[in-house]
């Protein structure tokens, strides 16, 4: 058996009411988690208040405390 470097990914366990910032990609920006299901997460934009249901997609890169949220629009 060969030994390799392997990168592990795990779906993030979203919690209702969480304030999140997605740093890259088409969903980039600040969001509030408003609903969580087995396969979907509903996020609300803090500026437009529009809500979107998306397949669960995020992975934690870093967690910070004491961050201004939302950021600039």
Protein backbone atom coordinates (compact mmCIF):
# COMPACT_ATOMS: atom_id res chain seq x y z
CA UNK A 1 0.00 0.00 0.00
CA UNK A 2 1.35 3.43 -0.98
CA UNK A 3 1.34 6.48 1.29
CA UNK A 4 0.06 9.80 -0.12
CA UNK A 5 -0.80 13.29 1.03
CA UNK A 6 -4.60 13.51 1.04
CA UNK A 7 -6.83 16.56 1.49
CA UNK A 8 -9.98 15.86 3.50
CA UNK A 9 -13.22 17.84 3.06
CA UNK A 10 -16.25 17.78 5.30
CA UNK A 11 -19.56 19.67 4.89
CA UNK A 12 -19.83 22.54 7.32
CA UNK A 13 -22.47 22.07 10.08
CA UNK A 14 -24.40 25.33 9.53
CA UNK A 15 -26.45 26.72 12.44
CA UNK A 16 -29.48 28.97 12.12
CA UNK A 17 -28.66 32.59 12.90
CA UNK A 18 -24.98 32.23 11.95
CA UNK A 19 -23.34 35.20 10.28
CA UNK A 20 -20.96 34.02 7.56
CA UNK A 21 -18.69 35.53 4.93
CA UNK A 22 -17.94 33.60 1.76
CA UNK A 23 -14.63 34.83 0.41
CA UNK A 24 -14.69 33.47 -3.16
CA UNK A 25 -16.95 32.21 -5.90
CA UNK A 26 -20.42 33.12 -7.16
CA UNK A 27 -21.85 33.32 -3.60
CA UNK A 28 -19.09 35.66 -2.38
CA UNK A 29 -20.16 38.06 0.37
CA UNK A 30 -21.87 38.29 3.73
CA UNK A 31 -24.84 36.05 4.56
CA UNK A 32 -27.03 35.03 7.47
CA UNK A 33 -28.07 31.40 7.80
CA UNK A 34 -31.88 31.35 8.08
CA UNK A 35 -32.66 27.62 7.61
CA UNK A 36 -30.76 24.34 7.48
CA UNK A 37 -31.92 20.99 6.11
CA UNK A 38 -30.10 17.74 5.35
CA UNK A 39 -29.17 18.80 1.82
CA UNK A 40 -30.01 22.52 1.61
CA UNK A 41 -29.11 25.74 3.40
CA UNK A 42 -31.11 28.99 3.11
CA UNK A 43 -29.04 32.17 3.25
CA UNK A 44 -30.21 35.79 3.51
CA UNK A 45 -28.29 38.78 2.19
CA UNK A 46 -28.02 41.41 4.97
CA UNK A 47 -28.28 44.25 2.44
CA UNK A 48 -31.08 43.23 0.02
CA UNK A 49 -32.71 40.77 2.47
CA UNK A 50 -33.18 38.36 -0.44
CA UNK A 51 -33.07 34.70 0.51
CA UNK A 52 -31.60 31.82 -1.47
CA UNK A 53 -31.86 28.03 -1.03
CA UNK A 54 -28.64 26.32 -2.03
CA UNK A 55 -27.20 22.85 -1.77
CA UNK A 56 -24.86 22.68 1.20
CA UNK A 57 -21.50 23.70 -0.22
CA UNK A 58 -19.19 25.40 2.28
CA UNK A 59 -16.13 24.17 4.07
CA UNK A 60 -14.47 25.98 6.97
CA UNK A 61 -11.23 27.73 6.16
CA UNK A 62 -10.93 29.83 9.30
CA UNK A 63 -13.11 31.06 12.17
CA UNK A 64 -12.62 34.56 13.60
CA UNK A 65 -14.11 36.45 16.55
CA UNK A 66 -14.68 40.19 16.87
CA UNK A 67 -15.21 40.78 13.15
CA UNK A 68 -17.47 43.55 11.80
CA UNK A 69 -20.39 41.94 9.98
CA UNK A 70 -21.73 42.72 7.48
CA UNK A 71 -18.81 44.36 5.78
CA UNK A 72 -19.09 47.00 3.09
CA UNK A 73 -21.87 46.52 0.56
